[in-house]
Amino acid sequence: AVDKAFDGKLATVLETLGASGAEGEVTKLPAPAGLKVPVVVAVGL
């Protein structure tokens, strides 16, 4: 649902911000209008 709110481009946006998905990596970004939360936190698995 979060990816959909980013028009299916969440991974692309995060990669642009330097995220790779590496373990322990944390990236914060403003949530788009389709979500009720102000912040999305992507964490590497």
PDB file of all heavy atoms in Angstrom:
ATOM      1  N   ALA A   1       0.831  -1.211   0.000  1.00  0.00           N
ATOM      2  CA  ALA A   1       0.000   0.000   0.000  1.00  0.00           C
ATOM      3  C   ALA A   1       0.867   1.263   0.000  1.00  0.00           C
ATOM      4  O   ALA A   1       0.507   2.281  -0.611  1.00  0.00           O
ATOM      5  CB  ALA A   1      -0.918   0.000   1.215  1.00  0.00           C
ATOM      6  N   VAL A   2       2.006   1.186   0.664  1.00  0.00           N
ATOM      7  CA  VAL A   2       2.919   2.336   0.707  1.00  0.00           C
ATOM      8  C   VAL A   2       3.543   2.550  -0.671  1.00  0.00           C
ATOM      9  O   VAL A   2       3.642   3.677  -1.167  1.00  0.00           O
ATOM     10  CB  VAL A   2       4.017   2.121   1.772  1.00  0.00           C
ATOM     11  CG1 VAL A   2       4.958   3.305   1.812  1.00  0.00           C
ATOM     12  CG2 VAL A   2       3.386   1.886   3.133  1.00  0.00           C
ATOM     13  N   ASP A   3       3.940   1.447  -1.293  1.00  0.00           N
ATOM     14  CA  ASP A   3       4.507   1.537  -2.642  1.00  0.00           C
ATOM     15  C   ASP A   3       3.483   2.119  -3.611  1.00  0.00           C
ATOM     16  O   ASP A   3       3.825   2.952  -4.476  1.00  0.00           O
ATOM     17  CB  ASP A   3       4.946   0.146  -3.095  1.00  0.00           C
ATOM     18  CG  ASP A   3       5.779   0.183  -4.369  1.00  0.00           C
ATOM     19  OD1 ASP A   3       6.480   1.193  -4.592  1.00  0.00           O
ATOM     20  OD2 ASP A   3       5.722  -0.784  -5.154  1.00  0.00           O
ATOM     21  N   LYS A   4       2.236   1.722  -3.476  1.00  0.00           N
ATOM     22  CA  LYS A   4       1.168   2.245  -4.337  1.00  0.00           C
ATOM     23  C   LYS A   4       1.016   3.743  -4.154  1.00  0.00           C
ATOM     24  O   LYS A   4       0.796   4.486  -5.127  1.00  0.00           O
ATOM     25  CB  LYS A   4      -0.148   1.529  -4.015  1.00  0.00           C
ATOM     26  CG  LYS A   4      -1.314   1.948  -4.907  1.00  0.00           C
ATOM     27  CD  LYS A   4      -2.566   1.160  -4.559  1.00  0.00           C
ATOM     28  CE  LYS A   4      -3.734   1.603  -5.442  1.00  0.00           C
ATOM     29  NZ  LYS A   4      -4.982   0.844  -5.112  1.00  0.00           N
ATOM     30  N   ALA A   5       1.144   4.209  -2.897  1.00  0.00           N
ATOM     31  CA  ALA A   5       1.027   5.649  -2.624  1.00  0.00           C
ATOM     32  C   ALA A   5       2.154   6.437  -3.293  1.00  0.00           C
ATOM     33  O   ALA A   5       2.012   7.628  -3.577  1.00  0.00           O
ATOM     34  CB  ALA A   5       1.034   5.894  -1.116  1.00  0.00           C
ATOM     35  N   PHE A   6       3.283   5.752  -3.543  1.00  0.00           N
ATOM     36  CA  PHE A   6       4.398   6.373  -4.261  1.00  0.00           C
ATOM     37  C   PHE A   6       4.341   6.066  -5.756  1.00  0.00           C
ATOM     38  O   PHE A   6       5.346   6.141  -6.454  1.00  0.00           O
ATOM     39  CB  PHE A   6       5.733   5.867  -3.691  1.00  0.00           C
ATOM     40  CG  PHE A   6       6.183   6.556  -2.434  1.00  0.00           C
ATOM     41  CD1 PHE A   6       5.800   6.068  -1.187  1.00  0.00           C
ATOM     42  CD2 PHE A   6       6.984   7.685  -2.486  1.00  0.00           C
ATOM     43  CE1 PHE A   6       6.224   6.692  -0.009  1.00  0.00           C
ATOM     44  CE2 PHE A   6       7.409   8.318  -1.316  1.00  0.00           C
ATOM     45  CZ  PHE A   6       7.020   7.825  -0.086  1.00  0.00           C
ATOM     46  N   ASP A   7       3.151   5.675  -6.232  1.00  0.00           N
ATOM     47  CA  ASP A   7       2.934   5.344  -7.650  1.00  0.00           C
ATOM     48  C   ASP A   7       3.851   4.212  -8.115  1.00  0.00           C
ATOM     49  O   ASP A   7       4.306   4.185  -9.273  1.00  0.00           O
ATOM     50  CB  ASP A   7       3.163   6.580  -8.545  1.00  0.00           C
ATOM     51  CG  ASP A   7       2.162   7.696  -8.261  1.00  0.00           C
ATOM     52  OD1 ASP A   7       0.993   7.373  -7.952  1.00  0.00           O
ATOM     53  OD2 ASP A   7       2.558   8.864  -8.334  1.00  0.00           O
ATOM     54  N   GLY A   8       4.118   3.276  -7.192  1.00  0.00           N
ATOM     55  CA  GLY A   8       4.940   2.124  -7.535  1.00  0.00           C
ATOM     56  C   GLY A   8       6.411   2.425  -7.661  1.00  0.00           C
ATOM     57  O   GLY A   8       7.182   1.584  -8.140  1.00  0.00           O
ATOM     58  N   LYS A   9       6.831   3.590  -7.205  1.00  0.00           N
ATOM     59  CA  LYS A   9       8.223   4.018  -7.373  1.00  0.00           C
ATOM     60  C   LYS A   9       8.970   4.181  -6.040  1.00  0.00           C
ATOM     61  O   LYS A   9       9.979   4.872  -5.973  1.00  0.00           O
ATOM     62  CB  LYS A   9       8.274   5.337  -8.144  1.00  0.00           C
ATOM     63  CG  LYS A   9       7.690   5.237  -9.552  1.00  0.00           C
ATOM     64  CD  LYS A   9       7.742   6.584 -10.267  1.00  0.00           C
ATOM     65  CE  LYS A   9       7.157   6.471 -11.671  1.00  0.00           C
ATOM     66  NZ  LYS A   9       7.183   7.778 -12.382  1.00  0.00           N
ATOM     67  N   LEU A  10       8.472   3.517  -4.976  1.00  0.00           N
ATOM     68  CA  LEU A  10       9.109   3.668  -3.666  1.00  0.00           C
ATOM     69  C   LEU A  10      10.572   3.229  -3.707  1.00  0.00           C
ATOM     70  O   LEU A  10      11.457   3.923  -3.196  1.00  0.00           O
ATOM     71  CB  LEU A  10       8.346   2.861  -2.609  1.00  0.00           C
ATOM     72  CG  LEU A  10       8.931   2.864  -1.195  1.00  0.00           C
ATOM     73  CD1 LEU A  10       9.081   4.277  -0.657  1.00  0.00           C
ATOM     74  CD2 LEU A  10       8.071   2.023  -0.248  1.00  0.00           C
ATOM     75  N   ALA A  11      10.851   2.073  -4.319  1.00  0.00           N
ATOM     76  CA  ALA A  11      12.227   1.580  -4.390  1.00  0.00           C
ATOM     77  C   ALA A  11      13.120   2.554  -5.157  1.00  0.00           C
ATOM     78  O   ALA A  11      14.273   2.802  -4.769  1.00  0.00           O
ATOM     79  CB  ALA A  11      12.260   0.202  -5.042  1.00  0.00           C
ATOM     80  N   THR A  12      12.590   3.121  -6.228  1.00  0.00           N
ATOM     81  CA  THR A  12      13.364   4.068  -7.029  1.00  0.00           C
ATOM     82  C   THR A  12      13.689   5.333  -6.237  1.00  0.00           C
ATOM     83  O   THR A  12      14.811   5.838  -6.267  1.00  0.00           O
ATOM     84  CB  THR A  12      12.581   4.446  -8.307  1.00  0.00           C
ATOM     85  OG1 THR A  12      12.297   3.257  -9.043  1.00  0.00           O
ATOM     86  CG2 THR A  12      13.385   5.408  -9.172  1.00  0.00           C
ATOM     87  N   VAL A  13      12.664   5.836  -5.517  1.00  0.00           N
ATOM     88  CA  VAL A  13      12.874   7.034  -4.699  1.00  0.00           C
ATOM     89  C   VAL A  13      13.924   6.768  -3.629  1.00  0.00           C
ATOM     90  O   VAL A  13      14.831   7.580  -3.404  1.00  0.00           O
ATOM     91  CB  VAL A  13      11.548   7.494  -4.053  1.00  0.00           C
ATOM     92  CG1 VAL A  13      11.799   8.613  -3.045  1.00  0.00           C
ATOM     93  CG2 VAL A  13      10.564   7.943  -5.113  1.00  0.00           C
ATOM     94  N   LEU A  14      13.836   5.620  -2.970  1.00  0.00           N
ATOM     95  CA  LEU A  14      14.787   5.281  -1.914  1.00  0.00           C
ATOM     96  C   LEU A  14      16.195   5.105  -2.465  1.00  0.00           C
ATOM     97  O   LEU A  14      17.181   5.532  -1.845  1.00  0.00           O
ATOM     98  CB  LEU A  14      14.329   4.014  -1.189  1.00  0.00           C
ATOM     99  CG  LEU A  14      13.100   4.186  -0.283  1.00  0.00           C
ATOM    100  CD1 LEU A  14      12.538   2.826   0.128  1.00  0.00           C
ATOM    101  CD2 LEU A  14      13.466   5.000   0.951  1.00  0.00           C
ATOM    102  N   GLU A  15      16.308   4.492  -3.645  1.00  0.00           N
ATOM    103  CA  GLU A  15      17.621   4.319  -4.261  1.00  0.00           C
ATOM    104  C   GLU A  15      18.232   5.681  -4.602  1.00  0.00           C
ATOM    105  O   GLU A  15      19.435   5.887  -4.439  1.00  0.00           O
ATOM    106  CB  GLU A  15      17.510   3.457  -5.508  1.00  0.00           C
ATOM    107  CG  GLU A  15      18.857   3.098  -6.109  1.00  0.00           C
ATOM    108  CD  GLU A  15      18.736   2.124  -7.261  1.00  0.00           C
ATOM    109  OE1 GLU A  15      17.661   2.058  -7.891  1.00  0.00           O
ATOM    110  OE2 GLU A  15      19.731   1.409  -7.537  1.00  0.00           O
ATOM    111  N   THR A  16      17.387   6.603  -5.034  1.00  0.00           N
ATOM    112  CA  THR A  16      17.859   7.957  -5.331  1.00  0.00           C
ATOM    113  C   THR A  16      18.417   8.623  -4.082  1.00  0.00           C
ATOM    114  O   THR A  16      19.374   9.404  -4.139  1.00  0.00           O
ATOM    115  CB  THR A  16      16.711   8.811  -5.903  1.00  0.00           C
ATOM    116  OG1 THR A  16      16.204   8.183  -7.083  1.00  0.00           O
ATOM    117  CG2 THR A  16      17.184  10.214  -6.244  1.00  0.00           C
ATOM    118  N   LEU A  17      17.839   8.269  -2.922  1.00  0.00           N
ATOM    119  CA  LEU A  17      18.296   8.835  -1.648  1.00  0.00           C
ATOM    120  C   LEU A  17      19.505   8.094  -1.075  1.00  0.00           C
ATOM    121  O   LEU A  17      19.987   8.427   0.003  1.00  0.00           O
ATOM    122  CB  LEU A  17      17.156   8.815  -0.627  1.00  0.00           C
ATOM    123  CG  LEU A  17      15.960   9.729  -0.947  1.00  0.00           C
ATOM    124  CD1 LEU A  17      14.826   9.484   0.045  1.00  0.00           C
ATOM    125  CD2 LEU A  17      16.386  11.191  -0.918  1.00  0.00           C
ATOM    126  N   GLY A  18      19.960   7.080  -1.795  1.00  0.00           N
ATOM    127  CA  GLY A  18      21.157   6.355  -1.367  1.00  0.00           C
ATOM    128  C   GLY A  18      20.884   5.035  -0.678  1.00  0.00           C
ATOM    129  O   GLY A  18      21.819   4.358  -0.252  1.00  0.00           O
ATOM    130  N   ALA A  19      19.631   4.648  -0.534  1.00  0.00           N
ATOM    131  CA  ALA A  19      19.305   3.386   0.127  1.00  0.00           C
ATOM    132  C   ALA A  19      19.590   2.202  -0.790  1.00  0.00           C
ATOM    133  O   ALA A  19      19.369   2.273  -1.999  1.00  0.00           O
ATOM    134  CB  ALA A  19      17.833   3.381   0.541  1.00  0.00           C
ATOM    135  N   SER A  20      20.046   1.120  -0.201  1.00  0.00           N
ATOM    136  CA  SER A  20      20.363  -0.084  -0.976  1.00  0.00           C
ATOM    137  C   SER A  20      19.639  -1.326  -0.483  1.00  0.00           C
ATOM    138  O   SER A  20      19.631  -2.348  -1.159  1.00  0.00           O
ATOM    139  CB  SER A  20      21.870  -0.341  -0.921  1.00  0.00           C
ATOM    140  OG  SER A  20      22.277  -0.680   0.401  1.00  0.00           O
ATOM    141  N   GLY A  21      19.067  -1.237   0.723  1.00  0.00           N
ATOM    142  CA  GLY A  21      18.446  -2.414   1.317  1.00  0.00           C
ATOM    143  C   GLY A  21      19.391  -3.203   2.194  1.00  0.00           C
ATOM    144  O   GLY A  21      19.045  -4.277   2.699  1.00  0.00           O
ATOM    145  N   ALA A  22      20.587  -2.669   2.414  1.00  0.00           N
ATOM    146  CA  ALA A  22      21.565  -3.356   3.266  1.00  0.00           C
ATOM    147  C   ALA A  22      21.055  -3.438   4.696  1.00  0.00           C
ATOM    148  O   ALA A  22      20.327  -2.560   5.166  1.00  0.00           O
ATOM    149  CB  ALA A  22      22.893  -2.617   3.229  1.00  0.00           C
ATOM    150  N   GLU A  23      21.444  -4.494   5.384  1.00  0.00           N
ATOM    151  CA  GLU A  23      20.982  -4.726   6.758  1.00  0.00           C
ATOM    152  C   GLU A  23      21.281  -3.534   7.664  1.00  0.00           C
ATOM    153  O   GLU A  23      22.392  -3.011   7.681  1.00  0.00           O
ATOM    154  CB  GLU A  23      21.651  -5.969   7.318  1.00  0.00           C
ATOM    155  CG  GLU A  23      21.201  -6.323   8.731  1.00  0.00           C
ATOM    156  CD  GLU A  23      21.929  -7.530   9.283  1.00  0.00           C
ATOM    157  OE1 GLU A  23      21.882  -8.597   8.648  1.00  0.00           O
ATOM    158  OE2 GLU A  23      22.557  -7.401  10.349  1.00  0.00           O
ATOM    159  N   GLY A  24      20.263  -3.091   8.406  1.00  0.00           N
ATOM    160  CA  GLY A  24      20.424  -2.017   9.377  1.00  0.00           C
ATOM    161  C   GLY A  24      20.339  -0.620   8.817  1.00  0.00           C
ATOM    162  O   GLY A  24      20.328   0.357   9.570  1.00  0.00           O
ATOM    163  N   GLU A  25      20.264  -0.493   7.509  1.00  0.00           N
ATOM    164  CA  GLU A  25      20.190   0.823   6.867  1.00  0.00           C
ATOM    165  C   GLU A  25      18.812   1.441   7.104  1.00  0.00           C
ATOM    166  O   GLU A  25      17.794   0.780   6.922  1.00  0.00           O
ATOM    167  CB  GLU A  25      20.432   0.623   5.373  1.00  0.00           C
ATOM    168  CG  GLU A  25      20.485   1.842   4.523  1.00  0.00           C
ATOM    169  CD  GLU A  25      20.683   1.444   3.065  1.00  0.00           C
ATOM    170  OE1 GLU A  25      19.703   0.946   2.456  1.00  0.00           O
ATOM    171  OE2 GLU A  25      21.800   1.586   2.552  1.00  0.00           O
ATOM    172  N   VAL A  26      18.774   2.694   7.528  1.00  0.00           N
ATOM    173  CA  VAL A  26      17.507   3.376   7.808  1.00  0.00           C
ATOM    174  C   VAL A  26      17.430   4.654   6.973  1.00  0.00           C
ATOM    175  O   VAL A  26      18.353   5.473   6.989  1.00  0.00           O
ATOM    176  CB  VAL A  26      17.372   3.730   9.305  1.00  0.00           C
ATOM    177  CG1 VAL A  26      16.091   4.529   9.557  1.00  0.00           C
ATOM    178  CG2 VAL A  26      17.367   2.462  10.147  1.00  0.00           C
ATOM    179  N   THR A  27      16.331   4.799   6.248  1.00  0.00           N
ATOM    180  CA  THR A  27      16.115   5.983   5.412  1.00  0.00           C
ATOM    181  C   THR A  27      14.736   6.546   5.705  1.00  0.00           C
ATOM    182  O   THR A  27      13.738   5.818   5.622  1.00  0.00           O
ATOM    183  CB  THR A  27      16.213   5.636   3.917  1.00  0.00           C
ATOM    184  OG1 THR A  27      17.445   4.957   3.664  1.00  0.00           O
ATOM    185  CG2 THR A  27      16.136   6.895   3.061  1.00  0.00           C
ATOM    186  N   LYS A  28      14.676   7.821   6.060  1.00  0.00           N
ATOM    187  CA  LYS A  28      13.399   8.477   6.323  1.00  0.00           C
ATOM    188  C   LYS A  28      13.040   9.382   5.143  1.00  0.00           C
ATOM    189  O   LYS A  28      13.906  10.039   4.568  1.00  0.00           O
ATOM    190  CB  LYS A  28      13.479   9.319   7.595  1.00  0.00           C
ATOM    191  CG  LYS A  28      13.662   8.518   8.871  1.00  0.00           C
ATOM    192  CD  LYS A  28      13.674   9.444  10.089  1.00  0.00           C
ATOM    193  CE  LYS A  28      13.851   8.661  11.378  1.00  0.00           C
ATOM    194  NZ  LYS A  28      13.843   9.559  12.568  1.00  0.00           N
ATOM    195  N   LEU A  29      11.742   9.427   4.787  1.00  0.00           N
ATOM    196  CA  LEU A  29      11.285  10.329   3.737  1.00  0.00           C
ATOM    197  C   LEU A  29       9.849  10.755   4.010  1.00  0.00           C
ATOM    198  O   LEU A  29       9.089  10.032   4.675  1.00  0.00           O
ATOM    199  CB  LEU A  29      11.400   9.684   2.365  1.00  0.00           C
ATOM    200  CG  LEU A  29      10.533   8.474   1.997  1.00  0.00           C
ATOM    201  CD1 LEU A  29      10.573   8.267   0.484  1.00  0.00           C
ATOM    202  CD2 LEU A  29      11.040   7.203   2.668  1.00  0.00           C
ATOM    203  N   PRO A  30       9.471  11.931   3.550  1.00  0.00           N
ATOM    204  CA  PRO A  30       8.102  12.412   3.773  1.00  0.00           C
ATOM    205  C   PRO A  30       7.105  11.496   3.085  1.00  0.00           C
ATOM    206  O   PRO A  30       7.350  11.002   1.976  1.00  0.00           O
ATOM    207  CB  PRO A  30       8.106  13.810   3.144  1.00  0.00           C
ATOM    208  CG  PRO A  30       9.534  14.185   3.021  1.00  0.00           C
ATOM    209  CD  PRO A  30      10.284  12.918   2.825  1.00  0.00           C
ATOM    210  N   ALA A  31       5.989  11.270   3.739  1.00  0.00           N
ATOM    211  CA  ALA A  31       4.951  10.423   3.152  1.00  0.00           C
ATOM    212  C   ALA A  31       4.145  11.203   2.114  1.00  0.00           C
ATOM    213  O   ALA A  31       3.911  12.401   2.278  1.00  0.00           O
ATOM    214  CB  ALA A  31       4.033   9.896   4.246  1.00  0.00           C
ATOM    215  N   PRO A  32       3.714  10.530   1.056  1.00  0.00           N
ATOM    216  CA  PRO A  32       2.884  11.202   0.048  1.00  0.00           C
ATOM    217  C   PRO A  32       1.449  11.388   0.549  1.00  0.00           C
ATOM    218  O   PRO A  32       1.074  10.883   1.614  1.00  0.00           O
ATOM    219  CB  PRO A  32       2.936  10.242  -1.137  1.00  0.00           C
ATOM    220  CG  PRO A  32       3.139   8.900  -0.509  1.00  0.00           C
ATOM    221  CD  PRO A  32       4.003   9.139   0.692  1.00  0.00           C
ATOM    222  N   ALA A  33       0.641  12.059  -0.239  1.00  0.00           N
ATOM    223  CA  ALA A  33      -0.731  12.404   0.167  1.00  0.00           C
ATOM    224  C   ALA A  33      -1.607  11.188   0.418  1.00  0.00           C
ATOM    225  O   ALA A  33      -2.570  11.252   1.183  1.00  0.00           O
ATOM    226  CB  ALA A  33      -1.358  13.291  -0.911  1.00  0.00           C
ATOM    227  N   GLY A  34      -1.298  10.058  -0.173  1.00  0.00           N
ATOM    228  CA  GLY A  34      -2.147   8.881  -0.019  1.00  0.00           C
ATOM    229  C   GLY A  34      -2.037   8.175   1.314  1.00  0.00           C
ATOM    230  O   GLY A  34      -2.772   7.218   1.579  1.00  0.00           O
ATOM    231  N   LEU A  35      -1.125   8.625   2.178  1.00  0.00           N
ATOM    232  CA  LEU A  35      -0.947   7.999   3.487  1.00  0.00           C
ATOM    233  C   LEU A  35      -1.362   8.955   4.598  1.00  0.00           C
ATOM    234  O   LEU A  35      -1.298  10.177   4.434  1.00  0.00           O
ATOM    235  CB  LEU A  35       0.515   7.584   3.683  1.00  0.00           C
ATOM    236  CG  LEU A  35       1.108   6.601   2.662  1.00  0.00           C
ATOM    237  CD1 LEU A  35       2.576   6.349   2.963  1.00  0.00           C
ATOM    238  CD2 LEU A  35       0.329   5.285   2.654  1.00  0.00           C
ATOM    239  N   LYS A  36      -1.764   8.395   5.733  1.00  0.00           N
ATOM    240  CA  LYS A  36      -2.186   9.213   6.887  1.00  0.00           C
ATOM    241  C   LYS A  36      -1.020   9.559   7.809  1.00  0.00           C
ATOM    242  O   LYS A  36      -1.169  10.382   8.712  1.00  0.00           O
ATOM    243  CB  LYS A  36      -3.254   8.466   7.693  1.00  0.00           C
ATOM    244  CG  LYS A  36      -4.509   8.092   6.893  1.00  0.00           C
ATOM    245  CD  LYS A  36      -5.286   9.323   6.456  1.00  0.00           C
ATOM    246  CE  LYS A  36      -6.575   8.918   5.751  1.00  0.00           C
ATOM    247  NZ  LYS A  36      -7.323  10.095   5.259  1.00  0.00           N
ATOM    248  N   VAL A  37       0.134   8.913   7.605  1.00  0.00           N
ATOM    249  CA  VAL A  37       1.312   9.196   8.434  1.00  0.00           C
ATOM    250  C   VAL A  37       2.156  10.280   7.776  1.00  0.00           C
ATOM    251  O   VAL A  37       2.137  10.426   6.544  1.00  0.00           O
ATOM    252  CB  VAL A  37       2.165   7.923   8.649  1.00  0.00           C
ATOM    253  CG1 VAL A  37       1.384   6.864   9.401  1.00  0.00           C
ATOM    254  CG2 VAL A  37       2.674   7.381   7.319  1.00  0.00           C
ATOM    255  N   PRO A  38       2.914  11.050   8.561  1.00  0.00           N
ATOM    256  CA  PRO A  38       3.750  12.094   7.967  1.00  0.00           C
ATOM    257  C   PRO A  38       5.096  11.594   7.447  1.00  0.00           C
ATOM    258  O   PRO A  38       5.708  12.235   6.598  1.00  0.00           O
ATOM    259  CB  PRO A  38       3.941  13.082   9.117  1.00  0.00           C
ATOM    260  CG  PRO A  38       3.834  12.242  10.349  1.00  0.00           C
ATOM    261  CD  PRO A  38       2.832  11.165  10.036  1.00  0.00           C
ATOM    262  N   VAL A  39       5.560  10.448   7.970  1.00  0.00           N
ATOM    263  CA  VAL A  39       6.908   9.974   7.647  1.00  0.00           C
ATOM    264  C   VAL A  39       6.891   8.479   7.341  1.00  0.00           C
ATOM    265  O   VAL A  39       6.216   7.699   8.026  1.00  0.00           O
ATOM    266  CB  VAL A  39       7.881  10.223   8.831  1.00  0.00           C
ATOM    267  CG1 VAL A  39       9.263   9.664   8.523  1.00  0.00           C
ATOM    268  CG2 VAL A  39       7.979  11.701   9.133  1.00  0.00           C
ATOM    269  N   VAL A  40       7.642   8.099   6.320  1.00  0.00           N
ATOM    270  CA  VAL A  40       7.878   6.688   6.019  1.00  0.00           C
ATOM    271  C   VAL A  40       9.330   6.376   6.366  1.00  0.00           C
ATOM    272  O   VAL A  40      10.240   7.133   5.993  1.00  0.00           O
ATOM    273  CB  VAL A  40       7.609   6.364   4.536  1.00  0.00           C
ATOM    274  CG1 VAL A  40       8.072   4.941   4.197  1.00  0.00           C
ATOM    275  CG2 VAL A  40       6.131   6.520   4.222  1.00  0.00           C
ATOM    276  N   VAL A  41       9.537   5.283   7.077  1.00  0.00           N
ATOM    277  CA  VAL A  41      10.885   4.855   7.457  1.00  0.00           C
ATOM    278  C   VAL A  41      11.170   3.526   6.778  1.00  0.00           C
ATOM    279  O   VAL A  41      10.522   2.518   7.062  1.00  0.00           O
ATOM    280  CB  VAL A  41      11.009   4.693   8.990  1.00  0.00           C
ATOM    281  CG1 VAL A  41      12.412   4.224   9.353  1.00  0.00           C
ATOM    282  CG2 VAL A  41      10.681   5.994   9.696  1.00  0.00           C
ATOM    283  N   ALA A  42      12.126   3.544   5.857  1.00  0.00           N
ATOM    284  CA  ALA A  42      12.517   2.310   5.170  1.00  0.00           C
ATOM    285  C   ALA A  42      13.747   1.735   5.865  1.00  0.00           C
ATOM    286  O   ALA A  42      14.728   2.437   6.085  1.00  0.00           O
ATOM    287  CB  ALA A  42      12.831   2.597   3.709  1.00  0.00           C
ATOM    288  N   VAL A  43      13.666   0.460   6.217  1.00  0.00           N
ATOM    289  CA  VAL A  43      14.771  -0.176   6.938  1.00  0.00           C
ATOM    290  C   VAL A  43      15.272  -1.374   6.142  1.00  0.00           C
ATOM    291  O   VAL A  43      14.483  -2.148   5.586  1.00  0.00           O
ATOM    292  CB  VAL A  43      14.330  -0.591   8.361  1.00  0.00           C
ATOM    293  CG1 VAL A  43      13.196  -1.608   8.322  1.00  0.00           C
ATOM    294  CG2 VAL A  43      15.508  -1.146   9.150  1.00  0.00           C
ATOM    295  N   GLY A  44      16.591  -1.509   6.054  1.00  0.00           N
ATOM    296  CA  GLY A  44      17.194  -2.573   5.268  1.00  0.00           C
ATOM    297  C   GLY A  44      17.053  -3.942   5.903  1.00  0.00           C
ATOM    298  O   GLY A  44      17.270  -4.109   7.103  1.00  0.00           O
ATOM    299  N   LEU A  45      16.695  -4.926   5.070  1.00  0.00           N
ATOM    300  CA  LEU A  45      16.544  -6.311   5.526  1.00  0.00           C
ATOM    301  C   LEU A  45      17.684  -7.199   5.061  1.00  0.00           C
ATOM    302  O   LEU A  45      17.735  -8.380   5.401  1.00  0.00           O
ATOM    303  CB  LEU A  45      15.222  -6.888   4.989  1.00  0.00           C
ATOM    304  CG  LEU A  45      13.937  -6.347   5.624  1.00  0.00           C
ATOM    305  CD1 LEU A  45      12.740  -6.682   4.754  1.00  0.00           C
ATOM    306  CD2 LEU A  45      13.762  -6.926   7.015  1.00  0.00           C
TER     307      LEU A  45
END
